[in-house]
PDB file of all heavy atoms in Angstrom:
ATOM      1  N   TRP A   1    -148.148-106.160-103.604  1.00  0.00           N
ATOM      2  CA  TRP A   1    -147.383-104.912-103.478  1.00  0.00           C
ATOM      3  C   TRP A   1    -148.272-103.775-102.958  1.00  0.00           C
ATOM      4  O   TRP A   1    -147.913-103.007-102.098  1.00  0.00           O
ATOM      5  CB  TRP A   1    -146.735-104.395-104.707  1.00  0.00           C
ATOM      6  CG  TRP A   1    -145.803-105.371-105.355  1.00  0.00           C
ATOM      7  CD1 TRP A   1    -146.079-106.390-106.268  1.00  0.00           C
ATOM      8  CD2 TRP A   1    -144.367-105.427-105.216  1.00  0.00           C
ATOM      9  NE1 TRP A   1    -144.928-106.975-106.712  1.00  0.00           N
ATOM     10  CE2 TRP A   1    -143.902-106.477-106.039  1.00  0.00           C
ATOM     11  CE3 TRP A   1    -143.492-104.670-104.442  1.00  0.00           C
ATOM     12  CZ2 TRP A   1    -142.533-106.793-106.106  1.00  0.00           C
ATOM     13  CZ3 TRP A   1    -142.135-105.018-104.543  1.00  0.00           C
ATOM     14  CH2 TRP A   1    -141.690-106.032-105.375  1.00  0.00           C
ATOM     15  N   ASN A   2    -149.549-103.730-103.516  1.00  0.00           N
ATOM     16  CA  ASN A   2    -150.455-102.612-103.163  1.00  0.00           C
ATOM     17  C   ASN A   2    -150.937-102.687-101.717  1.00  0.00           C
ATOM     18  O   ASN A   2    -151.469-101.719-101.122  1.00  0.00           O
ATOM     19  CB  ASN A   2    -151.615-102.603-104.099  1.00  0.00           C
ATOM     20  CG  ASN A   2    -151.212-102.251-105.496  1.00  0.00           C
ATOM     21  OD1 ASN A   2    -150.669-103.140-106.225  1.00  0.00           O
ATOM     22  ND2 ASN A   2    -151.440-101.042-105.875  1.00  0.00           N
ATOM     23  N   LYS A   3    -150.869-103.866-101.084  1.00  0.00           N
ATOM     24  CA  LYS A   3    -151.245-103.978 -99.672  1.00  0.00           C
ATOM     25  C   LYS A   3    -150.236-103.247 -98.829  1.00  0.00           C
ATOM     26  O   LYS A   3    -150.553-102.953 -97.674  1.00  0.00           O
ATOM     27  CB  LYS A   3    -151.294-105.466 -99.302  1.00  0.00           C
ATOM     28  CG  LYS A   3    -152.474-106.237 -99.977  1.00  0.00           C
ATOM     29  CD  LYS A   3    -152.465-107.676 -99.534  1.00  0.00           C
ATOM     30  CE  LYS A   3    -153.541-108.469-100.305  1.00  0.00           C
ATOM     31  NZ  LYS A   3    -153.586-109.855 -99.919  1.00  0.00           N
ATOM     32  N   TYR A   4    -149.020-103.026 -99.328  1.00  0.00           N
ATOM     33  CA  TYR A   4    -147.927-102.521 -98.478  1.00  0.00           C
ATOM     34  C   TYR A   4    -147.636-101.032 -98.899  1.00  0.00           C
ATOM     35  O   TYR A   4    -147.140-100.280 -98.071  1.00  0.00           O
ATOM     36  CB  TYR A   4    -146.672-103.315 -98.616  1.00  0.00           C
ATOM     37  CG  TYR A   4    -146.853-104.670 -97.997  1.00  0.00           C
ATOM     38  CD1 TYR A   4    -147.204-105.792 -98.771  1.00  0.00           C
ATOM     39  CD2 TYR A   4    -146.666-104.890 -96.635  1.00  0.00           C
ATOM     40  CE1 TYR A   4    -147.270-107.062 -98.244  1.00  0.00           C
ATOM     41  CE2 TYR A   4    -146.692-106.110 -96.094  1.00  0.00           C
ATOM     42  CZ  TYR A   4    -147.079-107.253 -96.864  1.00  0.00           C
ATOM     43  OH  TYR A   4    -147.226-108.480 -96.249  1.00  0.00           O
ATOM     44  N   PHE A   5    -147.901-100.704-100.141  1.00  0.00           N
ATOM     45  CA  PHE A   5    -147.578 -99.368-100.605  1.00  0.00           C
ATOM     46  C   PHE A   5    -148.356 -98.895-101.744  1.00  0.00           C
ATOM     47  O   PHE A   5    -148.738 -99.676-102.696  1.00  0.00           O
ATOM     48  CB  PHE A   5    -146.024 -99.277-100.928  1.00  0.00           C
ATOM     49  CG  PHE A   5    -145.463 -97.914-100.781  1.00  0.00           C
ATOM     50  CD1 PHE A   5    -145.067 -97.509 -99.542  1.00  0.00           C
ATOM     51  CD2 PHE A   5    -145.284 -97.023-101.823  1.00  0.00           C
ATOM     52  CE1 PHE A   5    -144.552 -96.206 -99.339  1.00  0.00           C
ATOM     53  CE2 PHE A   5    -144.782 -95.807-101.669  1.00  0.00           C
ATOM     54  CZ  PHE A   5    -144.416 -95.391-100.402  1.00  0.00           C
ATOM     55  N   ASP A   6    -148.689 -97.585-101.766  1.00  0.00           N
ATOM     56  CA  ASP A   6    -149.542 -97.087-102.794  1.00  0.00           C
ATOM     57  C   ASP A   6    -148.804 -96.725-104.095  1.00  0.00           C
ATOM     58  O   ASP A   6    -147.693 -96.128-104.075  1.00  0.00           O
ATOM     59  CB  ASP A   6    -150.154 -95.695-102.216  1.00  0.00           C
ATOM     60  CG  ASP A   6    -151.019 -95.025-103.253  1.00  0.00           C
ATOM     61  OD1 ASP A   6    -152.134 -95.543-103.528  1.00  0.00           O
ATOM     62  OD2 ASP A   6    -150.585 -93.930-103.800  1.00  0.00           O
ATOM     63  N   ASP A   7    -149.322 -97.196-105.201  1.00  0.00           N
ATOM     64  CA  ASP A   7    -148.648 -96.929-106.551  1.00  0.00           C
ATOM     65  C   ASP A   7    -148.423 -95.474-106.846  1.00  0.00           C
ATOM     66  O   ASP A   7    -147.445 -95.120-107.434  1.00  0.00           O
ATOM     67  CB  ASP A   7    -149.453 -97.677-107.623  1.00  0.00           C
ATOM     68  CG  ASP A   7    -149.267 -99.153-107.728  1.00  0.00           C
ATOM     69  OD1 ASP A   7    -148.362 -99.641-107.073  1.00  0.00           O
ATOM     70  OD2 ASP A   7    -150.098 -99.837-108.399  1.00  0.00           O
ATOM     71  N   GLY A   8    -149.463 -94.661-106.525  1.00  0.00           N
ATOM     72  CA  GLY A   8    -149.393 -93.239-106.769  1.00  0.00           C
ATOM     73  C   GLY A   8    -148.224 -92.570-106.140  1.00  0.00           C
ATOM     74  O   GLY A   8    -147.453 -91.791-106.742  1.00  0.00           O
ATOM     75  N   VAL A   9    -147.974 -92.879-104.872  1.00  0.00           N
ATOM     76  CA  VAL A   9    -146.850 -92.291-104.141  1.00  0.00           C
ATOM     77  C   VAL A   9    -145.552 -92.898-104.679  1.00  0.00           C
ATOM     78  O   VAL A   9    -144.598 -92.206-104.888  1.00  0.00           O
ATOM     79  CB  VAL A   9    -146.926 -92.685-102.665  1.00  0.00           C
ATOM     80  CG1 VAL A   9    -145.752 -92.149-101.856  1.00  0.00           C
ATOM     81  CG2 VAL A   9    -148.240 -92.073-102.073  1.00  0.00           C
ATOM     82  N   PHE A  10    -145.546 -94.211-105.001  1.00  0.00           N
ATOM     83  CA  PHE A  10    -144.327 -94.810-105.554  1.00  0.00           C
ATOM     84  C   PHE A  10    -143.862 -94.222-106.834  1.00  0.00           C
ATOM     85  O   PHE A  10    -142.655 -93.786-106.998  1.00  0.00           O
ATOM     86  CB  PHE A  10    -144.471 -96.294-105.812  1.00  0.00           C
ATOM     87  CG  PHE A  10    -143.367 -96.970-106.397  1.00  0.00           C
ATOM     88  CD1 PHE A  10    -142.233 -97.380-105.647  1.00  0.00           C
ATOM     89  CD2 PHE A  10    -143.361 -97.227-107.813  1.00  0.00           C
ATOM     90  CE1 PHE A  10    -141.169 -97.946-106.219  1.00  0.00           C
ATOM     91  CE2 PHE A  10    -142.231 -97.794-108.395  1.00  0.00           C
ATOM     92  CZ  PHE A  10    -141.125 -98.209-107.663  1.00  0.00           C
ATOM     93  N   TYR A  11    -144.819 -93.937-107.766  1.00  0.00           N
ATOM     94  CA  TYR A  11    -144.394 -93.367-109.058  1.00  0.00           C
ATOM     95  C   TYR A  11    -144.095 -91.891-108.990  1.00  0.00           C
ATOM     96  O   TYR A  11    -143.396 -91.327-109.801  1.00  0.00           O
ATOM     97  CB  TYR A  11    -145.509 -93.680-110.131  1.00  0.00           C
ATOM     98  CG  TYR A  11    -145.317 -95.136-110.531  1.00  0.00           C
ATOM     99  CD1 TYR A  11    -146.400 -95.986-110.345  1.00  0.00           C
ATOM    100  CD2 TYR A  11    -144.250 -95.560-111.276  1.00  0.00           C
ATOM    101  CE1 TYR A  11    -146.280 -97.318-110.669  1.00  0.00           C
ATOM    102  CE2 TYR A  11    -144.190 -96.870-111.720  1.00  0.00           C
ATOM    103  CZ  TYR A  11    -145.159 -97.767-111.335  1.00  0.00           C
ATOM    104  OH  TYR A  11    -145.066 -99.066-111.716  1.00  0.00           O
ATOM    105  N   SER A  12    -144.669 -91.243-107.901  1.00  0.00           N
ATOM    106  CA  SER A  12    -144.200 -89.789-107.641  1.00  0.00           C
ATOM    107  C   SER A  12    -142.836 -89.781-107.202  1.00  0.00           C
ATOM    108  O   SER A  12    -142.008 -88.906-107.610  1.00  0.00           O
ATOM    109  CB  SER A  12    -145.128 -89.207-106.641  1.00  0.00           C
ATOM    110  OG  SER A  12    -146.456 -88.990-107.077  1.00  0.00           O
ATOM    111  N   CYS A  13    -142.474 -90.730-106.419  1.00  0.00           N
ATOM    112  CA  CYS A  13    -140.997 -90.893-105.970  1.00  0.00           C
ATOM    113  C   CYS A  13    -140.133 -91.206-107.156  1.00  0.00           C
ATOM    114  O   CYS A  13    -139.065 -90.609-107.338  1.00  0.00           O
ATOM    115  CB  CYS A  13    -140.914 -92.014-104.911  1.00  0.00           C
ATOM    116  SG  CYS A  13    -141.577 -91.711-103.326  1.00  0.00           S
ATOM    117  N   TYR A  14    -140.647 -92.036-108.058  1.00  0.00           N
ATOM    118  CA  TYR A  14    -139.857 -92.427-109.241  1.00  0.00           C
ATOM    119  C   TYR A  14    -139.568 -91.180-110.080  1.00  0.00           C
ATOM    120  O   TYR A  14    -138.462 -90.986-110.587  1.00  0.00           O
ATOM    121  CB  TYR A  14    -140.654 -93.405-110.043  1.00  0.00           C
ATOM    122  CG  TYR A  14    -139.970 -94.034-111.235  1.00  0.00           C
ATOM    123  CD1 TYR A  14    -138.996 -95.008-111.068  1.00  0.00           C
ATOM    124  CD2 TYR A  14    -140.157 -93.504-112.548  1.00  0.00           C
ATOM    125  CE1 TYR A  14    -138.309 -95.563-112.115  1.00  0.00           C
ATOM    126  CE2 TYR A  14    -139.449 -94.028-113.601  1.00  0.00           C
ATOM    127  CZ  TYR A  14    -138.546 -95.051-113.445  1.00  0.00           C
ATOM    128  OH  TYR A  14    -137.834 -95.507-114.489  1.00  0.00           O
ATOM    129  N   ALA A  15    -140.588 -90.330-110.283  1.00  0.00           N
ATOM    130  CA  ALA A  15    -140.364 -89.093-111.085  1.00  0.00           C
ATOM    131  C   ALA A  15    -139.262 -88.206-110.463  1.00  0.00           C
ATOM    132  O   ALA A  15    -138.581 -87.474-111.239  1.00  0.00           O
ATOM    133  CB  ALA A  15    -141.653 -88.346-111.191  1.00  0.00           C
ATOM    134  N   LEU A  16    -139.064 -88.173-109.156  1.00  0.00           N
ATOM    135  CA  LEU A  16    -138.083 -87.344-108.549  1.00  0.00           C
ATOM    136  C   LEU A  16    -136.603 -87.714-108.911  1.00  0.00           C
ATOM    137  O   LEU A  16    -135.747 -86.898-108.711  1.00  0.00           O
ATOM    138  CB  LEU A  16    -138.246 -87.385-107.011  1.00  0.00           C
ATOM    139  CG  LEU A  16    -139.512 -86.601-106.491  1.00  0.00           C
ATOM    140  CD1 LEU A  16    -139.586 -86.855-104.944  1.00  0.00           C
ATOM    141  CD2 LEU A  16    -139.370 -85.193-106.798  1.00  0.00           C
ATOM    142  N   ILE A  17    -136.415 -88.983-109.372  1.00  0.00           N
ATOM    143  CA  ILE A  17    -135.007 -89.331-109.668  1.00  0.00           C
ATOM    144  C   ILE A  17    -134.417 -88.551-110.836  1.00  0.00           C
ATOM    145  O   ILE A  17    -133.176 -88.475-110.900  1.00  0.00           O
ATOM    146  CB  ILE A  17    -134.902 -90.834-109.999  1.00  0.00           C
ATOM    147  CG1 ILE A  17    -135.593 -91.158-111.319  1.00  0.00           C
ATOM    148  CG2 ILE A  17    -135.522 -91.688-108.893  1.00  0.00           C
ATOM    149  CD1 ILE A  17    -135.363 -92.595-111.805  1.00  0.00           C
ATOM    150  N   TYR A  18    -135.326 -87.848-111.615  1.00  0.00           N
ATOM    151  CA  TYR A  18    -134.865 -87.090-112.688  1.00  0.00           C
ATOM    152  C   TYR A  18    -134.533 -85.622-112.345  1.00  0.00           C
ATOM    153  O   TYR A  18    -134.018 -84.832-113.105  1.00  0.00           O
ATOM    154  CB  TYR A  18    -135.892 -87.051-113.881  1.00  0.00           C
ATOM    155  CG  TYR A  18    -136.138 -88.507-114.400  1.00  0.00           C
ATOM    156  CD1 TYR A  18    -137.244 -89.195-114.033  1.00  0.00           C
ATOM    157  CD2 TYR A  18    -135.239 -89.162-115.310  1.00  0.00           C
ATOM    158  CE1 TYR A  18    -137.519 -90.492-114.499  1.00  0.00           C
ATOM    159  CE2 TYR A  18    -135.442 -90.363-115.710  1.00  0.00           C
ATOM    160  CZ  TYR A  18    -136.593 -91.091-115.327  1.00  0.00           C
ATOM    161  OH  TYR A  18    -136.752 -92.357-115.831  1.00  0.00           O
ATOM    162  N   ARG A  19    -134.991 -85.259-111.128  1.00  0.00           N
ATOM    163  CA  ARG A  19    -134.871 -83.825-110.721  1.00  0.00           C
ATOM    164  C   ARG A  19    -134.064 -83.687-109.463  1.00  0.00           C
ATOM    165  O   ARG A  19    -133.673 -82.508-109.138  1.00  0.00           O
ATOM    166  CB  ARG A  19    -136.229 -83.219-110.384  1.00  0.00           C
ATOM    167  CG  ARG A  19    -137.165 -83.285-111.578  1.00  0.00           C
ATOM    168  CD  ARG A  19    -138.397 -82.352-111.426  1.00  0.00           C
ATOM    169  NE  ARG A  19    -139.218 -82.654-110.242  1.00  0.00           N
ATOM    170  CZ  ARG A  19    -140.253 -83.532-110.248  1.00  0.00           C
ATOM    171  NH1 ARG A  19    -140.654 -84.088-111.392  1.00  0.00           N
ATOM    172  NH2 ARG A  19    -140.938 -83.741-109.198  1.00  0.00           N
ATOM    173  N   ASN A  20    -133.683 -84.725-108.747  1.00  0.00           N
ATOM    174  CA  ASN A  20    -133.059 -84.659-107.545  1.00  0.00           C
ATOM    175  C   ASN A  20    -131.911 -85.737-107.437  1.00  0.00           C
ATOM    176  O   ASN A  20    -132.198 -86.887-107.337  1.00  0.00           O
ATOM    177  CB  ASN A  20    -133.986 -84.831-106.325  1.00  0.00           C
ATOM    178  CG  ASN A  20    -133.357 -84.526-104.974  1.00  0.00           C
ATOM    179  OD1 ASN A  20    -132.343 -85.041-104.710  1.00  0.00           O
ATOM    180  ND2 ASN A  20    -134.104 -83.808-104.162  1.00  0.00           N
ATOM    181  N   ALA A  21    -130.659 -85.281-107.486  1.00  0.00           N
ATOM    182  CA  ALA A  21    -129.530 -86.160-107.573  1.00  0.00           C
ATOM    183  C   ALA A  21    -129.393 -87.071-106.350  1.00  0.00           C
ATOM    184  O   ALA A  21    -129.138 -88.264-106.424  1.00  0.00           O
ATOM    185  CB  ALA A  21    -128.222 -85.496-107.880  1.00  0.00           C
ATOM    186  N   ASP A  22    -129.612 -86.456-105.204  1.00  0.00           N
ATOM    187  CA  ASP A  22    -129.507 -87.228-103.865  1.00  0.00           C
ATOM    188  C   ASP A  22    -130.596 -88.233-103.850  1.00  0.00           C
ATOM    189  O   ASP A  22    -130.326 -89.394-103.394  1.00  0.00           O
ATOM    190  CB  ASP A  22    -129.547 -86.204-102.721  1.00  0.00           C
ATOM    191  CG  ASP A  22    -128.281 -85.478-102.519  1.00  0.00           C
ATOM    192  OD1 ASP A  22    -127.233 -85.808-103.131  1.00  0.00           O
ATOM    193  OD2 ASP A  22    -128.449 -84.362-101.873  1.00  0.00           O
ATOM    194  N   PHE A  23    -131.800 -87.850-104.298  1.00  0.00           N
ATOM    195  CA  PHE A  23    -132.909 -88.761-104.194  1.00  0.00           C
ATOM    196  C   PHE A  23    -132.667 -89.938-105.172  1.00  0.00           C
ATOM    197  O   PHE A  23    -133.041 -91.003-104.991  1.00  0.00           O
ATOM    198  CB  PHE A  23    -134.208 -88.041-104.476  1.00  0.00           C
ATOM    199  CG  PHE A  23    -135.408 -88.947-104.333  1.00  0.00           C
ATOM    200  CD1 PHE A  23    -135.932 -89.057-102.994  1.00  0.00           C
ATOM    201  CD2 PHE A  23    -136.106 -89.583-105.325  1.00  0.00           C
ATOM    202  CE1 PHE A  23    -137.070 -89.941-102.831  1.00  0.00           C
ATOM    203  CE2 PHE A  23    -137.127 -90.383-105.093  1.00  0.00           C
ATOM    204  CZ  PHE A  23    -137.684 -90.548-103.906  1.00  0.00           C
ATOM    205  N   ASN A  24    -132.168 -89.522-106.373  1.00  0.00           N
ATOM    206  CA  ASN A  24    -131.773 -90.623-107.369  1.00  0.00           C
ATOM    207  C   ASN A  24    -130.902 -91.673-106.817  1.00  0.00           C
ATOM    208  O   ASN A  24    -131.197 -92.867-106.939  1.00  0.00           O
ATOM    209  CB  ASN A  24    -131.048 -89.860-108.571  1.00  0.00           C
ATOM    210  CG  ASN A  24    -130.733 -90.825-109.660  1.00  0.00           C
ATOM    211  OD1 ASN A  24    -130.115 -91.851-109.509  1.00  0.00           O
ATOM    212  ND2 ASN A  24    -131.162 -90.441-110.926  1.00  0.00           N
ATOM    213  N   LYS A  25    -129.881 -91.252-106.004  1.00  0.00           N
ATOM    214  CA  LYS A  25    -128.996 -92.276-105.414  1.00  0.00           C
ATOM    215  C   LYS A  25    -129.738 -93.119-104.356  1.00  0.00           C
ATOM    216  O   LYS A  25    -129.616 -94.330-104.283  1.00  0.00           O
ATOM    217  CB  LYS A  25    -127.827 -91.629-104.762  1.00  0.00           C
ATOM    218  CG  LYS A  25    -126.788 -92.581-104.179  1.00  0.00           C
ATOM    219  CD  LYS A  25    -125.691 -91.904-103.420  1.00  0.00           C
ATOM    220  CE  LYS A  25    -124.694 -92.876-102.860  1.00  0.00           C
ATOM    221  NZ  LYS A  25    -125.262 -93.844-102.022  1.00  0.00           N
ATOM    222  N   SER A  26    -130.611 -92.439-103.547  1.00  0.00           N
ATOM    223  CA  SER A  26    -131.354 -93.134-102.543  1.00  0.00           C
ATOM    224  C   SER A  26    -132.307 -94.181-103.164  1.00  0.00           C
ATOM    225  O   SER A  26    -132.391 -95.279-102.692  1.00  0.00           O
ATOM    226  CB  SER A  26    -132.100 -92.134-101.622  1.00  0.00           C
ATOM    227  OG  SER A  26    -132.915 -92.705-100.691  1.00  0.00           O
ATOM    228  N   PHE A  27    -132.954 -93.730-104.179  1.00  0.00           N
ATOM    229  CA  PHE A  27    -133.836 -94.615-104.956  1.00  0.00           C
ATOM    230  C   PHE A  27    -133.165 -95.764-105.597  1.00  0.00           C
ATOM    231  O   PHE A  27    -133.673 -96.927-105.525  1.00  0.00           O
ATOM    232  CB  PHE A  27    -134.654 -93.827-105.974  1.00  0.00           C
ATOM    233  CG  PHE A  27    -135.951 -94.399-106.344  1.00  0.00           C
ATOM    234  CD1 PHE A  27    -137.053 -94.289-105.571  1.00  0.00           C
ATOM    235  CD2 PHE A  27    -136.059 -95.130-107.604  1.00  0.00           C
ATOM    236  CE1 PHE A  27    -138.310 -94.867-105.957  1.00  0.00           C
ATOM    237  CE2 PHE A  27    -137.306 -95.716-107.935  1.00  0.00           C
ATOM    238  CZ  PHE A  27    -138.433 -95.591-107.180  1.00  0.00           C
ATOM    239  N   LYS A  28    -132.041 -95.476-106.125  1.00  0.00           N
ATOM    240  CA  LYS A  28    -131.244 -96.580-106.787  1.00  0.00           C
ATOM    241  C   LYS A  28    -130.815 -97.618-105.741  1.00  0.00           C
ATOM    242  O   LYS A  28    -130.819 -98.799-105.967  1.00  0.00           O
ATOM    243  CB  LYS A  28    -130.034 -95.983-107.506  1.00  0.00           C
ATOM    244  CG  LYS A  28    -129.221 -97.041-108.287  1.00  0.00           C
ATOM    245  CD  LYS A  28    -128.043 -96.409-109.016  1.00  0.00           C
ATOM    246  CE  LYS A  28    -127.258 -97.469-109.781  1.00  0.00           C
ATOM    247  NZ  LYS A  28    -126.115 -96.874-110.486  1.00  0.00           N
ATOM    248  N   ASP A  29    -130.333 -97.104-104.605  1.00  0.00           N
ATOM    249  CA  ASP A  29    -129.975 -98.009-103.481  1.00  0.00           C
ATOM    250  C   ASP A  29    -131.127 -98.894-103.090  1.00  0.00           C
ATOM    251  O   ASP A  29    -130.915-100.147-102.838  1.00  0.00           O
ATOM    252  CB  ASP A  29    -129.468 -97.207-102.269  1.00  0.00           C
ATOM    253  CG  ASP A  29    -128.163 -96.570-102.524  1.00  0.00           C
ATOM    254  OD1 ASP A  29    -127.437 -96.891-103.470  1.00  0.00           O
ATOM    255  OD2 ASP A  29    -127.814 -95.657-101.727  1.00  0.00           O
ATOM    256  N   TYR A  30    -132.267 -98.329-103.037  1.00  0.00           N
ATOM    257  CA  TYR A  30    -133.474 -99.139-102.693  1.00  0.00           C
ATOM    258  C   TYR A  30    -133.820-100.239-103.681  1.00  0.00           C
ATOM    259  O   TYR A  30    -134.000-101.348-103.372  1.00  0.00           O
ATOM    260  CB  TYR A  30    -134.644 -98.188-102.502  1.00  0.00           C
ATOM    261  CG  TYR A  30    -136.015 -98.669-103.086  1.00  0.00           C
ATOM    262  CD1 TYR A  30    -136.667 -99.673-102.405  1.00  0.00           C
ATOM    263  CD2 TYR A  30    -136.541 -98.161-104.263  1.00  0.00           C
ATOM    264  CE1 TYR A  30    -137.855-100.158-102.977  1.00  0.00           C
ATOM    265  CE2 TYR A  30    -137.717 -98.619-104.782  1.00  0.00           C
ATOM    266  CZ  TYR A  30    -138.403 -99.552-104.112  1.00  0.00           C
ATOM    267  OH  TYR A  30    -139.575-100.144-104.670  1.00  0.00           O
ATOM    268  N   LEU A  31    -133.652 -99.828-104.951  1.00  0.00           N
ATOM    269  CA  LEU A  31    -133.940-100.789-106.052  1.00  0.00           C
ATOM    270  C   LEU A  31    -132.849-101.926-106.012  1.00  0.00           C
ATOM    271  O   LEU A  31    -133.222-103.108-106.228  1.00  0.00           O
ATOM    272  CB  LEU A  31    -133.974-100.159-107.407  1.00  0.00           C
ATOM    273  CG  LEU A  31    -135.184 -99.244-107.687  1.00  0.00           C
ATOM    274  CD1 LEU A  31    -134.994 -98.551-109.033  1.00  0.00           C
ATOM    275  CD2 LEU A  31    -136.517-100.070-107.742  1.00  0.00           C
ATOM    276  N   GLU A  32    -131.608-101.549-105.779  1.00  0.00           N
ATOM    277  CA  GLU A  32    -130.580-102.527-105.742  1.00  0.00           C
ATOM    278  C   GLU A  32    -130.666-103.535-104.607  1.00  0.00           C
ATOM    279  O   GLU A  32    -130.354-104.720-104.696  1.00  0.00           O
ATOM    280  CB  GLU A  32    -129.165-101.846-105.677  1.00  0.00           C
ATOM    281  CG  GLU A  32    -128.764-101.144-107.031  1.00  0.00           C
ATOM    282  CD  GLU A  32    -127.475-100.443-106.953  1.00  0.00           C
ATOM    283  OE1 GLU A  32    -126.940-100.305-105.811  1.00  0.00           O
ATOM    284  OE2 GLU A  32    -126.932-100.105-108.005  1.00  0.00           O
ATOM    285  N   SER A  33    -131.369-103.028-103.480  1.00  0.00           N
ATOM    286  CA  SER A  33    -131.624-103.934-102.387  1.00  0.00           C
ATOM    287  C   SER A  33    -132.601-105.035-102.823  1.00  0.00           C
ATOM    288  O   SER A  33    -132.470-106.229-102.488  1.00  0.00           O
ATOM    289  CB  SER A  33    -132.160-103.156-101.220  1.00  0.00           C
ATOM    290  OG  SER A  33    -131.159-102.253-100.701  1.00  0.00           O
ATOM    291  N   LEU A  34    -133.678-104.588-103.570  1.00  0.00           N
ATOM    292  CA  LEU A  34    -134.613-105.636-104.054  1.00  0.00           C
ATOM    293  C   LEU A  34    -134.007-106.552-105.098  1.00  0.00           C
ATOM    294  O   LEU A  34    -134.263-107.732-105.084  1.00  0.00           O
ATOM    295  CB  LEU A  34    -135.799-104.863-104.745  1.00  0.00           C
ATOM    296  CG  LEU A  34    -136.713-103.988-103.800  1.00  0.00           C
ATOM    297  CD1 LEU A  34    -137.820-103.486-104.586  1.00  0.00           C
ATOM    298  CD2 LEU A  34    -137.244-104.851-102.690  1.00  0.00           C
ATOM    299  N   HIS A  35    -133.172-106.042-105.977  1.00  0.00           N
ATOM    300  CA  HIS A  35    -132.446-106.845-106.893  1.00  0.00           C
ATOM    301  C   HIS A  35    -131.546-107.900-106.125  1.00  0.00           C
ATOM    302  O   HIS A  35    -131.529-109.057-106.613  1.00  0.00           O
ATOM    303  CB  HIS A  35    -131.621-106.033-107.754  1.00  0.00           C
ATOM    304  CG  HIS A  35    -132.244-105.162-108.806  1.00  0.00           C
ATOM    305  ND1 HIS A  35    -131.763-104.909-110.027  1.00  0.00           N
ATOM    306  CD2 HIS A  35    -133.536-104.654-108.790  1.00  0.00           C
ATOM    307  CE1 HIS A  35    -132.587-104.103-110.716  1.00  0.00           C
ATOM    308  NE2 HIS A  35    -133.693-104.000-110.019  1.00  0.00           N
ATOM    309  N   GLY A  36    -131.018-107.470-105.079  1.00  0.00           N
ATOM    310  CA  GLY A  36    -130.188-108.376-104.300  1.00  0.00           C
ATOM    311  C   GLY A  36    -130.953-109.547-103.691  1.00  0.00           C
ATOM    312  O   GLY A  36    -130.404-110.680-103.711  1.00  0.00           O
ATOM    313  N   VAL A  37    -132.168-109.325-103.334  1.00  0.00           N
ATOM    314  CA  VAL A  37    -133.038-110.397-102.804  1.00  0.00           C
ATOM    315  C   VAL A  37    -133.339-111.389-103.951  1.00  0.00           C
ATOM    316  O   VAL A  37    -133.182-112.610-103.731  1.00  0.00           O
ATOM    317  CB  VAL A  37    -134.304-109.865-102.177  1.00  0.00           C
ATOM    318  CG1 VAL A  37    -135.245-111.074-101.776  1.00  0.00           C
ATOM    319  CG2 VAL A  37    -134.061-108.971-100.909  1.00  0.00           C
ATOM    320  N   LEU A  38    -133.725-110.872-105.065  1.00  0.00           N
ATOM    321  CA  LEU A  38    -134.030-111.754-106.191  1.00  0.00           C
ATOM    322  C   LEU A  38    -132.783-112.554-106.616  1.00  0.00           C
ATOM    323  O   LEU A  38    -132.834-113.773-106.851  1.00  0.00           O
ATOM    324  CB  LEU A  38    -134.548-111.018-107.387  1.00  0.00           C
ATOM    325  CG  LEU A  38    -134.819-111.832-108.693  1.00  0.00           C
ATOM    326  CD1 LEU A  38    -135.852-112.980-108.407  1.00  0.00           C
ATOM    327  CD2 LEU A  38    -135.322-110.973-109.766  1.00  0.00           C
ATOM    328  N   ARG A  39    -131.719-111.884-106.659  1.00  0.00           N
ATOM    329  CA  ARG A  39    -130.404-112.587-106.997  1.00  0.00           C
ATOM    330  C   ARG A  39    -130.094-113.692-106.079  1.00  0.00           C
ATOM    331  O   ARG A  39    -129.703-114.828-106.454  1.00  0.00           O
ATOM    332  CB  ARG A  39    -129.305-111.511-107.043  1.00  0.00           C
ATOM    333  CG  ARG A  39    -128.029-111.992-107.656  1.00  0.00           C
ATOM    334  CD  ARG A  39    -126.952-110.895-107.672  1.00  0.00           C
ATOM    335  NE  ARG A  39    -127.309-109.770-108.436  1.00  0.00           N
ATOM    336  CZ  ARG A  39    -127.661-108.594-107.874  1.00  0.00           C
ATOM    337  NH1 ARG A  39    -127.488-108.413-106.584  1.00  0.00           N
ATOM    338  NH2 ARG A  39    -128.036-107.581-108.607  1.00  0.00           N
ATOM    339  N   GLN A  40    -130.320-113.442-104.800  1.00  0.00           N
ATOM    340  CA  GLN A  40    -130.062-114.473-103.753  1.00  0.00           C
ATOM    341  C   GLN A  40    -130.953-115.639-103.964  1.00  0.00           C
ATOM    342  O   GLN A  40    -130.595-116.771-103.801  1.00  0.00           O
ATOM    343  CB  GLN A  40    -130.250-113.862-102.352  1.00  0.00           C
ATOM    344  CG  GLN A  40    -130.045-114.899-101.221  1.00  0.00           C
ATOM    345  CD  GLN A  40    -130.487-114.309 -99.893  1.00  0.00           C
ATOM    346  OE1 GLN A  40    -130.705-113.108 -99.737  1.00  0.00           O
ATOM    347  NE2 GLN A  40    -130.654-115.174 -98.911  1.00  0.00           N
ATOM    348  N   LYS A  41    -132.240-115.420-104.262  1.00  0.00           N
ATOM    349  CA  LYS A  41    -133.182-116.509-104.465  1.00  0.00           C
ATOM    350  C   LYS A  41    -132.805-117.378-105.678  1.00  0.00           C
ATOM    351  O   LYS A  41    -132.929-118.576-105.606  1.00  0.00           O
ATOM    352  CB  LYS A  41    -134.617-115.876-104.706  1.00  0.00           C
ATOM    353  CG  LYS A  41    -135.219-115.143-103.569  1.00  0.00           C
ATOM    354  CD  LYS A  41    -135.472-116.032-102.308  1.00  0.00           C
ATOM    355  CE  LYS A  41    -136.184-115.266-101.245  1.00  0.00           C
ATOM    356  NZ  LYS A  41    -136.446-116.113-100.033  1.00  0.00           N
TER     357      LYS A  41
END
């Protein structure tokens, strides 16, 4: 994962879900996409 994306930036994004409703939805959509790949596998 770290070869593709920095943990520090990722967790800063994660913190925003508690303060920004629109970002919360965007972040949830992103996570659900990853869940979908695992579910398919």
